[in-house]
Amino acid sequence: RDETRLGSATALDDAVRAARAHAADGFTVWIYEVDRGSGTQ
């Protein structure tokens, strides 16, 4: 088994809540802050 789940949130509390739900299913979860900045990436 090799499964990936992706998601997004607009608040850190929501991101942590989603991460804990995935972790309860056995996943390791990384949370990243996304900075759109002024560049293209």
ModelCIF file with pLDDT and N, C-alpha, C, O atoms, coordinates in Angstrom:
data_MODEL
#
_entry.id   MODEL 
#
_entity.id                         1 
_entity.type                       polymer 
_entity.pdbx_number_of_molecules   1 
#
_entity_poly.entity_id                      1 
_entity_poly.type                           'polypeptide(L)' 
_entity_poly.nstd_linkage                   no 
_entity_poly.nstd_monomer                   no 
_entity_poly.pdbx_seq_one_letter_code       RDETRLGSATALDDAVRAARAHAADGFTVWIYEVDRGSGTQ 
_entity_poly.pdbx_seq_one_letter_code_can   RDETRLGSATALDDAVRAARAHAADGFTVWIYEVDRGSGTQ 
_entity_poly.pdbx_strand_id                 A 
#
loop_
_entity_poly_seq.entity_id 
_entity_poly_seq.num 
_entity_poly_seq.mon_id 
_entity_poly_seq.hetero 
1 1  ARG n 
1 2  ASP n 
1 3  GLU n 
1 4  THR n 
1 5  ARG n 
1 6  LEU n 
1 7  GLY n 
1 8  SER n 
1 9  ALA n 
1 10 THR n 
1 11 ALA n 
1 12 LEU n 
1 13 ASP n 
1 14 ASP n 
1 15 ALA n 
1 16 VAL n 
1 17 ARG n 
1 18 ALA n 
1 19 ALA n 
1 20 ARG n 
1 21 ALA n 
1 22 HIS n 
1 23 ALA n 
1 24 ALA n 
1 25 ASP n 
1 26 GLY n 
1 27 PHE n 
1 28 THR n 
1 29 VAL n 
1 30 TRP n 
1 31 ILE n 
1 32 TYR n 
1 33 GLU n 
1 34 VAL n 
1 35 ASP n 
1 36 ARG n 
1 37 GLY n 
1 38 SER n 
1 39 GLY n 
1 40 THR n 
1 41 GLN n 
#
_struct_asym.id          A 
_struct_asym.entity_id   1 
#
loop_
_ma_qa_metric.id 
_ma_qa_metric.mode 
_ma_qa_metric.name 
_ma_qa_metric.software_group_id 
_ma_qa_metric.type 
1 global pLDDT . pLDDT 
2 local  pLDDT . pLDDT 
#
_ma_qa_metric_global.metric_id      1 
_ma_qa_metric_global.metric_value   94.41 
_ma_qa_metric_global.model_id       1 
_ma_qa_metric_global.ordinal_id     1 
#
loop_
_ma_qa_metric_local.label_asym_id 
_ma_qa_metric_local.label_comp_id 
_ma_qa_metric_local.label_seq_id 
_ma_qa_metric_local.metric_id 
_ma_qa_metric_local.metric_value 
_ma_qa_metric_local.model_id 
_ma_qa_metric_local.ordinal_id 
A ARG 1  2 94.00 1 1  
A ASP 2  2 96.00 1 2  
A GLU 3  2 97.00 1 3  
A THR 4  2 98.00 1 4  
A ARG 5  2 97.00 1 5  
A LEU 6  2 98.00 1 6  
A GLY 7  2 97.00 1 7  
A SER 8  2 97.00 1 8  
A ALA 9  2 98.00 1 9  
A THR 10 2 97.00 1 10 
A ALA 11 2 97.00 1 11 
A LEU 12 2 97.00 1 12 
A ASP 13 2 97.00 1 13 
A ASP 14 2 98.00 1 14 
A ALA 15 2 98.00 1 15 
A VAL 16 2 97.00 1 16 
A ARG 17 2 97.00 1 17 
A ALA 18 2 97.00 1 18 
A ALA 19 2 97.00 1 19 
A ARG 20 2 96.00 1 20 
A ALA 21 2 97.00 1 21 
A HIS 22 2 97.00 1 22 
A ALA 23 2 96.00 1 23 
A ALA 24 2 95.00 1 24 
A ASP 25 2 94.00 1 25 
A GLY 26 2 94.00 1 26 
A PHE 27 2 96.00 1 27 
A THR 28 2 97.00 1 28 
A VAL 29 2 98.00 1 29 
A TRP 30 2 98.00 1 30 
A ILE 31 2 98.00 1 31 
A TYR 32 2 98.00 1 32 
A GLU 33 2 97.00 1 33 
A VAL 34 2 96.00 1 34 
A ASP 35 2 93.00 1 35 
A ARG 36 2 85.00 1 36 
A GLY 37 2 76.00 1 37 
A SER 38 2 75.00 1 38 
A GLY 39 2 77.00 1 39 
A THR 40 2 85.00 1 40 
A GLN 41 2 89.00 1 41 
#
loop_
_atom_site.group_PDB 
_atom_site.id 
_atom_site.type_symbol 
_atom_site.label_atom_id 
_atom_site.label_alt_id 
_atom_site.label_comp_id 
_atom_site.label_asym_id 
_atom_site.label_entity_id 
_atom_site.label_seq_id 
_atom_site.pdbx_PDB_ins_code 
_atom_site.Cartn_x 
_atom_site.Cartn_y 
_atom_site.Cartn_z 
_atom_site.occupancy 
_atom_site.B_iso_or_equiv 
_atom_site.pdbx_formal_charge 
_atom_site.auth_seq_id 
_atom_site.auth_comp_id 
_atom_site.auth_asym_id 
_atom_site.auth_atom_id 
_atom_site.pdbx_PDB_model_num 
ATOM 1   N N  . ARG A 1 1  ? 0.855  -1.197 0.000  1.00 94.00 ? 1  ARG A N  1 
ATOM 2   C CA . ARG A 1 1  ? 0.000  0.000  0.000  1.00 94.00 ? 1  ARG A CA 1 
ATOM 3   C C  . ARG A 1 1  ? 0.882  1.234  0.000  1.00 94.00 ? 1  ARG A C  1 
ATOM 4   O O  . ARG A 1 1  ? 1.821  1.343  0.789  1.00 94.00 ? 1  ARG A O  1 
ATOM 5   N N  . ASP A 1 2  ? 0.575  2.148  -0.879 1.00 96.00 ? 2  ASP A N  1 
ATOM 6   C CA . ASP A 1 2  ? 1.257  3.446  -0.938 1.00 96.00 ? 2  ASP A CA 1 
ATOM 7   C C  . ASP A 1 2  ? 0.190  4.470  -1.284 1.00 96.00 ? 2  ASP A C  1 
ATOM 8   O O  . ASP A 1 2  ? -0.178 4.630  -2.447 1.00 96.00 ? 2  ASP A O  1 
ATOM 9   N N  . GLU A 1 3  ? -0.304 5.162  -0.264 1.00 97.00 ? 3  GLU A N  1 
ATOM 10  C CA . GLU A 1 3  ? -1.424 6.068  -0.448 1.00 97.00 ? 3  GLU A CA 1 
ATOM 11  C C  . GLU A 1 3  ? -1.045 7.472  0.008  1.00 97.00 ? 3  GLU A C  1 
ATOM 12  O O  . GLU A 1 3  ? -0.381 7.651  1.030  1.00 97.00 ? 3  GLU A O  1 
ATOM 13  N N  . THR A 1 4  ? -1.474 8.454  -0.758 1.00 98.00 ? 4  THR A N  1 
ATOM 14  C CA . THR A 1 4  ? -1.228 9.857  -0.440 1.00 98.00 ? 4  THR A CA 1 
ATOM 15  C C  . THR A 1 4  ? -2.558 10.591 -0.390 1.00 98.00 ? 4  THR A C  1 
ATOM 16  O O  . THR A 1 4  ? -3.446 10.348 -1.207 1.00 98.00 ? 4  THR A O  1 
ATOM 17  N N  . ARG A 1 5  ? -2.685 11.491 0.575  1.00 97.00 ? 5  ARG A N  1 
ATOM 18  C CA . ARG A 1 5  ? -3.853 12.359 0.670  1.00 97.00 ? 5  ARG A CA 1 
ATOM 19  C C  . ARG A 1 5  ? -3.360 13.800 0.729  1.00 97.00 ? 5  ARG A C  1 
ATOM 20  O O  . ARG A 1 5  ? -2.413 14.114 1.449  1.00 97.00 ? 5  ARG A O  1 
ATOM 21  N N  . LEU A 1 6  ? -4.007 14.664 -0.027 1.00 98.00 ? 6  LEU A N  1 
ATOM 22  C CA . LEU A 1 6  ? -3.646 16.074 -0.057 1.00 98.00 ? 6  LEU A CA 1 
ATOM 23  C C  . LEU A 1 6  ? -4.844 16.909 0.352  1.00 98.00 ? 6  LEU A C  1 
ATOM 24  O O  . LEU A 1 6  ? -5.991 16.541 0.094  1.00 98.00 ? 6  LEU A O  1 
ATOM 25  N N  . GLY A 1 7  ? -4.569 18.031 0.989  1.00 97.00 ? 7  GLY A N  1 
ATOM 26  C CA . GLY A 1 7  ? -5.647 18.918 1.383  1.00 97.00 ? 7  GLY A CA 1 
ATOM 27  C C  . GLY A 1 7  ? -5.107 20.307 1.654  1.00 97.00 ? 7  GLY A C  1 
ATOM 28  O O  . GLY A 1 7  ? -3.907 20.562 1.559  1.00 97.00 ? 7  GLY A O  1 
ATOM 29  N N  . SER A 1 8  ? -6.019 21.193 1.992  1.00 97.00 ? 8  SER A N  1 
ATOM 30  C CA . SER A 1 8  ? -5.609 22.559 2.325  1.00 97.00 ? 8  SER A CA 1 
ATOM 31  C C  . SER A 1 8  ? -6.573 23.110 3.364  1.00 97.00 ? 8  SER A C  1 
ATOM 32  O O  . SER A 1 8  ? -7.680 22.603 3.547  1.00 97.00 ? 8  SER A O  1 
ATOM 33  N N  . ALA A 1 9  ? -6.127 24.152 4.031  1.00 98.00 ? 9  ALA A N  1 
ATOM 34  C CA . ALA A 1 9  ? -6.952 24.814 5.046  1.00 98.00 ? 9  ALA A CA 1 
ATOM 35  C C  . ALA A 1 9  ? -6.552 26.273 5.092  1.00 98.00 ? 9  ALA A C  1 
ATOM 36  O O  . ALA A 1 9  ? -5.436 26.634 4.720  1.00 98.00 ? 9  ALA A O  1 
ATOM 37  N N  . THR A 1 10 ? -7.469 27.109 5.552  1.00 97.00 ? 10 THR A N  1 
ATOM 38  C CA . THR A 1 10 ? -7.174 28.539 5.659  1.00 97.00 ? 10 THR A CA 1 
ATOM 39  C C  . THR A 1 10 ? -6.807 28.942 7.081  1.00 97.00 ? 10 THR A C  1 
ATOM 40  O O  . THR A 1 10 ? -6.434 30.089 7.328  1.00 97.00 ? 10 THR A O  1 
ATOM 41  N N  . ALA A 1 11 ? -6.914 27.995 8.024  1.00 97.00 ? 11 ALA A N  1 
ATOM 42  C CA . ALA A 1 11 ? -6.539 28.265 9.414  1.00 97.00 ? 11 ALA A CA 1 
ATOM 43  C C  . ALA A 1 11 ? -5.706 27.101 9.936  1.00 97.00 ? 11 ALA A C  1 
ATOM 44  O O  . ALA A 1 11 ? -5.959 25.948 9.587  1.00 97.00 ? 11 ALA A O  1 
ATOM 45  N N  . LEU A 1 12 ? -4.722 27.396 10.762 1.00 97.00 ? 12 LEU A N  1 
ATOM 46  C CA . LEU A 1 12 ? -3.855 26.353 11.298 1.00 97.00 ? 12 LEU A CA 1 
ATOM 47  C C  . LEU A 1 12 ? -4.650 25.344 12.119 1.00 97.00 ? 12 LEU A C  1 
ATOM 48  O O  . LEU A 1 12 ? -4.394 24.144 12.025 1.00 97.00 ? 12 LEU A O  1 
ATOM 49  N N  . ASP A 1 13 ? -5.602 25.800 12.916 1.00 97.00 ? 13 ASP A N  1 
ATOM 50  C CA . ASP A 1 13 ? -6.418 24.875 13.711 1.00 97.00 ? 13 ASP A CA 1 
ATOM 51  C C  . ASP A 1 13 ? -7.127 23.857 12.824 1.00 97.00 ? 13 ASP A C  1 
ATOM 52  O O  . ASP A 1 13 ? -7.202 22.677 13.167 1.00 97.00 ? 13 ASP A O  1 
ATOM 53  N N  . ASP A 1 14 ? -7.645 24.308 11.693 1.00 98.00 ? 14 ASP A N  1 
ATOM 54  C CA . ASP A 1 14 ? -8.319 23.400 10.761 1.00 98.00 ? 14 ASP A CA 1 
ATOM 55  C C  . ASP A 1 14 ? -7.328 22.422 10.153 1.00 98.00 ? 14 ASP A C  1 
ATOM 56  O O  . ASP A 1 14 ? -7.651 21.247 9.976  1.00 98.00 ? 14 ASP A O  1 
ATOM 57  N N  . ALA A 1 15 ? -6.125 22.886 9.830  1.00 98.00 ? 15 ALA A N  1 
ATOM 58  C CA . ALA A 1 15 ? -5.098 22.021 9.263  1.00 98.00 ? 15 ALA A CA 1 
ATOM 59  C C  . ALA A 1 15 ? -4.692 20.944 10.262 1.00 98.00 ? 15 ALA A C  1 
ATOM 60  O O  . ALA A 1 15 ? -4.534 19.781 9.890  1.00 98.00 ? 15 ALA A O  1 
ATOM 61  N N  . VAL A 1 16 ? -4.524 21.320 11.520 1.00 97.00 ? 16 VAL A N  1 
ATOM 62  C CA . VAL A 1 16 ? -4.146 20.353 12.555 1.00 97.00 ? 16 VAL A CA 1 
ATOM 63  C C  . VAL A 1 16 ? -5.266 19.340 12.775 1.00 97.00 ? 16 VAL A C  1 
ATOM 64  O O  . VAL A 1 16 ? -5.001 18.150 12.946 1.00 97.00 ? 16 VAL A O  1 
ATOM 65  N N  . ARG A 1 17 ? -6.494 19.797 12.771 1.00 97.00 ? 17 ARG A N  1 
ATOM 66  C CA . ARG A 1 17 ? -7.637 18.895 12.935 1.00 97.00 ? 17 ARG A CA 1 
ATOM 67  C C  . ARG A 1 17 ? -7.674 17.867 11.791 1.00 97.00 ? 17 ARG A C  1 
ATOM 68  O O  . ARG A 1 17 ? -7.885 16.678 12.031 1.00 97.00 ? 17 ARG A O  1 
ATOM 69  N N  . ALA A 1 18 ? -7.473 18.321 10.571 1.00 97.00 ? 18 ALA A N  1 
ATOM 70  C CA . ALA A 1 18 ? -7.448 17.405 9.420  1.00 97.00 ? 18 ALA A CA 1 
ATOM 71  C C  . ALA A 1 18 ? -6.268 16.450 9.516  1.00 97.00 ? 18 ALA A C  1 
ATOM 72  O O  . ALA A 1 18 ? -6.400 15.265 9.209  1.00 97.00 ? 18 ALA A O  1 
ATOM 73  N N  . ALA A 1 19 ? -5.118 16.958 9.939  1.00 97.00 ? 19 ALA A N  1 
ATOM 74  C CA . ALA A 1 19 ? -3.927 16.115 10.074 1.00 97.00 ? 19 ALA A CA 1 
ATOM 75  C C  . ALA A 1 19 ? -4.152 15.021 11.109 1.00 97.00 ? 19 ALA A C  1 
ATOM 76  O O  . ALA A 1 19 ? -3.760 13.874 10.892 1.00 97.00 ? 19 ALA A O  1 
ATOM 77  N N  . ARG A 1 20 ? -4.771 15.358 12.218 1.00 96.00 ? 20 ARG A N  1 
ATOM 78  C CA . ARG A 1 20 ? -5.042 14.351 13.255 1.00 96.00 ? 20 ARG A CA 1 
ATOM 79  C C  . ARG A 1 20 ? -6.004 13.278 12.754 1.00 96.00 ? 20 ARG A C  1 
ATOM 80  O O  . ARG A 1 20 ? -5.876 12.108 13.113 1.00 96.00 ? 20 ARG A O  1 
ATOM 81  N N  . ALA A 1 21 ? -6.961 13.677 11.927 1.00 97.00 ? 21 ALA A N  1 
ATOM 82  C CA . ALA A 1 21 ? -7.893 12.691 11.355 1.00 97.00 ? 21 ALA A CA 1 
ATOM 83  C C  . ALA A 1 21 ? -7.149 11.724 10.433 1.00 97.00 ? 21 ALA A C  1 
ATOM 84  O O  . ALA A 1 21 ? -7.401 10.520 10.468 1.00 97.00 ? 21 ALA A O  1 
ATOM 85  N N  . HIS A 1 22 ? -6.240 12.239 9.612  1.00 97.00 ? 22 HIS A N  1 
ATOM 86  C CA . HIS A 1 22 ? -5.438 11.365 8.740  1.00 97.00 ? 22 HIS A CA 1 
ATOM 87  C C  . HIS A 1 22 ? -4.521 10.476 9.570  1.00 97.00 ? 22 HIS A C  1 
ATOM 88  O O  . HIS A 1 22 ? -4.367 9.292  9.269  1.00 97.00 ? 22 HIS A O  1 
ATOM 89  N N  . ALA A 1 23 ? -3.908 11.039 10.614 1.00 96.00 ? 23 ALA A N  1 
ATOM 90  C CA . ALA A 1 23 ? -3.015 10.257 11.470 1.00 96.00 ? 23 ALA A CA 1 
ATOM 91  C C  . ALA A 1 23 ? -3.777 9.132  12.168 1.00 96.00 ? 23 ALA A C  1 
ATOM 92  O O  . ALA A 1 23 ? -3.225 8.054  12.389 1.00 96.00 ? 23 ALA A O  1 
ATOM 93  N N  . ALA A 1 24 ? -5.031 9.376  12.513 1.00 95.00 ? 24 ALA A N  1 
ATOM 94  C CA . ALA A 1 24 ? -5.855 8.328  13.125 1.00 95.00 ? 24 ALA A CA 1 
ATOM 95  C C  . ALA A 1 24 ? -6.072 7.166  12.168 1.00 95.00 ? 24 ALA A C  1 
ATOM 96  O O  . ALA A 1 24 ? -6.329 6.043  12.601 1.00 95.00 ? 24 ALA A O  1 
ATOM 97  N N  . ASP A 1 25 ? -5.970 7.431  10.858 1.00 94.00 ? 25 ASP A N  1 
ATOM 98  C CA . ASP A 1 25 ? -6.081 6.384  9.840  1.00 94.00 ? 25 ASP A CA 1 
ATOM 99  C C  . ASP A 1 25 ? -4.732 5.742  9.539  1.00 94.00 ? 25 ASP A C  1 
ATOM 100 O O  . ASP A 1 25 ? -4.641 4.887  8.658  1.00 94.00 ? 25 ASP A O  1 
ATOM 101 N N  . GLY A 1 26 ? -3.676 6.145  10.263 1.00 94.00 ? 26 GLY A N  1 
ATOM 102 C CA . GLY A 1 26 ? -2.357 5.530  10.075 1.00 94.00 ? 26 GLY A CA 1 
ATOM 103 C C  . GLY A 1 26 ? -1.382 6.318  9.226  1.00 94.00 ? 26 GLY A C  1 
ATOM 104 O O  . GLY A 1 26 ? -0.274 5.849  8.964  1.00 94.00 ? 26 GLY A O  1 
ATOM 105 N N  . PHE A 1 27 ? -1.771 7.512  8.788  1.00 96.00 ? 27 PHE A N  1 
ATOM 106 C CA . PHE A 1 27 ? -0.920 8.325  7.918  1.00 96.00 ? 27 PHE A CA 1 
ATOM 107 C C  . PHE A 1 27 ? 0.045  9.186  8.733  1.00 96.00 ? 27 PHE A C  1 
ATOM 108 O O  . PHE A 1 27 ? -0.270 9.599  9.849  1.00 96.00 ? 27 PHE A O  1 
ATOM 109 N N  . THR A 1 28 ? 1.217  9.450  8.165  1.00 97.00 ? 28 THR A N  1 
ATOM 110 C CA . THR A 1 28 ? 2.093  10.504 8.655  1.00 97.00 ? 28 THR A CA 1 
ATOM 111 C C  . THR A 1 28 ? 1.722  11.742 7.864  1.00 97.00 ? 28 THR A C  1 
ATOM 112 O O  . THR A 1 28 ? 1.552  11.676 6.646  1.00 97.00 ? 28 THR A O  1 
ATOM 113 N N  . VAL A 1 29 ? 1.593  12.882 8.552  1.00 98.00 ? 29 VAL A N  1 
ATOM 114 C CA . VAL A 1 29 ? 1.051  14.084 7.910  1.00 98.00 ? 29 VAL A CA 1 
ATOM 115 C C  . VAL A 1 29 ? 2.000  15.260 8.111  1.00 98.00 ? 29 VAL A C  1 
ATOM 116 O O  . VAL A 1 29 ? 2.492  15.506 9.212  1.00 98.00 ? 29 VAL A O  1 
ATOM 117 N N  . TRP A 1 30 ? 2.244  15.978 7.022  1.00 98.00 ? 30 TRP A N  1 
ATOM 118 C CA . TRP A 1 30 ? 3.052  17.195 7.052  1.00 98.00 ? 30 TRP A CA 1 
ATOM 119 C C  . TRP A 1 30 ? 2.136  18.383 6.787  1.00 98.00 ? 30 TRP A C  1 
ATOM 120 O O  . TRP A 1 30 ? 1.316  18.354 5.869  1.00 98.00 ? 30 TRP A O  1 
ATOM 121 N N  . ILE A 1 31 ? 2.280  19.421 7.593  1.00 98.00 ? 31 ILE A N  1 
ATOM 122 C CA . ILE A 1 31 ? 1.525  20.657 7.409  1.00 98.00 ? 31 ILE A CA 1 
ATOM 123 C C  . ILE A 1 31 ? 2.514  21.745 7.006  1.00 98.00 ? 31 ILE A C  1 
ATOM 124 O O  . ILE A 1 31 ? 3.532  21.943 7.670  1.00 98.00 ? 31 ILE A O  1 
ATOM 125 N N  . TYR A 1 32 ? 2.212  22.448 5.916  1.00 98.00 ? 32 TYR A N  1 
ATOM 126 C CA . TYR A 1 32 ? 3.060  23.524 5.411  1.00 98.00 ? 32 TYR A CA 1 
ATOM 127 C C  . TYR A 1 32 ? 2.270  24.821 5.339  1.00 98.00 ? 32 TYR A C  1 
ATOM 128 O O  . TYR A 1 32 ? 1.099  24.826 4.960  1.00 98.00 ? 32 TYR A O  1 
ATOM 129 N N  . GLU A 1 33 ? 2.913  25.908 5.702  1.00 97.00 ? 33 GLU A N  1 
ATOM 130 C CA . GLU A 1 33 ? 2.336  27.226 5.467  1.00 97.00 ? 33 GLU A CA 1 
ATOM 131 C C  . GLU A 1 33 ? 2.697  27.607 4.037  1.00 97.00 ? 33 GLU A C  1 
ATOM 132 O O  . GLU A 1 33 ? 3.854  27.494 3.634  1.00 97.00 ? 33 GLU A O  1 
ATOM 133 N N  . VAL A 1 34 ? 1.723  28.051 3.282  1.00 96.00 ? 34 VAL A N  1 
ATOM 134 C CA . VAL A 1 34 ? 1.932  28.417 1.883  1.00 96.00 ? 34 VAL A CA 1 
ATOM 135 C C  . VAL A 1 34 ? 1.997  29.933 1.783  1.00 96.00 ? 34 VAL A C  1 
ATOM 136 O O  . VAL A 1 34 ? 1.058  30.636 2.156  1.00 96.00 ? 34 VAL A O  1 
ATOM 137 N N  . ASP A 1 35 ? 3.106  30.417 1.278  1.00 93.00 ? 35 ASP A N  1 
ATOM 138 C CA . ASP A 1 35 ? 3.288  31.862 1.084  1.00 93.00 ? 35 ASP A CA 1 
ATOM 139 C C  . ASP A 1 35 ? 3.275  32.123 -0.410 1.00 93.00 ? 35 ASP A C  1 
ATOM 140 O O  . ASP A 1 35 ? 4.195  31.733 -1.129 1.00 93.00 ? 35 ASP A O  1 
ATOM 141 N N  . ARG A 1 36 ? 2.228  32.783 -0.870 1.00 85.00 ? 36 ARG A N  1 
ATOM 142 C CA . ARG A 1 36 ? 2.109  33.070 -2.307 1.00 85.00 ? 36 ARG A CA 1 
ATOM 143 C C  . ARG A 1 36 ? 3.134  34.108 -2.742 1.00 85.00 ? 36 ARG A C  1 
ATOM 144 O O  . ARG A 1 36 ? 3.591  34.086 -3.885 1.00 85.00 ? 36 ARG A O  1 
ATOM 145 N N  . GLY A 1 37 ? 3.498  35.011 -1.847 1.00 76.00 ? 37 GLY A N  1 
ATOM 146 C CA . GLY A 1 37 ? 4.547  35.993 -2.143 1.00 76.00 ? 37 GLY A CA 1 
ATOM 147 C C  . GLY A 1 37 ? 4.321  36.741 -3.439 1.00 76.00 ? 37 GLY A C  1 
ATOM 148 O O  . GLY A 1 37 ? 3.196  36.847 -3.927 1.00 76.00 ? 37 GLY A O  1 
ATOM 149 N N  . SER A 1 38 ? 5.399  37.254 -3.984 1.00 75.00 ? 38 SER A N  1 
ATOM 150 C CA . SER A 1 38 ? 5.304  38.024 -5.222 1.00 75.00 ? 38 SER A CA 1 
ATOM 151 C C  . SER A 1 38 ? 5.878  37.262 -6.410 1.00 75.00 ? 38 SER A C  1 
ATOM 152 O O  . SER A 1 38 ? 5.819  37.743 -7.542 1.00 75.00 ? 38 SER A O  1 
ATOM 153 N N  . GLY A 1 39 ? 6.430  36.087 -6.163 1.00 77.00 ? 39 GLY A N  1 
ATOM 154 C CA . GLY A 1 39 ? 7.014  35.303 -7.251 1.00 77.00 ? 39 GLY A CA 1 
ATOM 155 C C  . GLY A 1 39 ? 5.981  34.455 -7.962 1.00 77.00 ? 39 GLY A C  1 
ATOM 156 O O  . GLY A 1 39 ? 4.790  34.514 -7.658 1.00 77.00 ? 39 GLY A O  1 
ATOM 157 N N  . THR A 1 40 ? 6.451  33.667 -8.912 1.00 85.00 ? 40 THR A N  1 
ATOM 158 C CA . THR A 1 40 ? 5.540  32.816 -9.681 1.00 85.00 ? 40 THR A CA 1 
ATOM 159 C C  . THR A 1 40 ? 5.269  31.495 -8.982 1.00 85.00 ? 40 THR A C  1 
ATOM 160 O O  . THR A 1 40 ? 4.253  30.855 -9.251 1.00 85.00 ? 40 THR A O  1 
ATOM 161 N N  . GLN A 1 41 ? 6.161  31.072 -8.088 1.00 89.00 ? 41 GLN A N  1 
ATOM 162 C CA . GLN A 1 41 ? 5.992  29.822 -7.366 1.00 89.00 ? 41 GLN A CA 1 
ATOM 163 C C  . GLN A 1 41 ? 5.763  30.100 -5.887 1.00 89.00 ? 41 GLN A C  1 
ATOM 164 O O  . GLN A 1 41 ? 5.596  29.166 -5.102 1.00 89.00 ? 41 GLN A O  1 
#
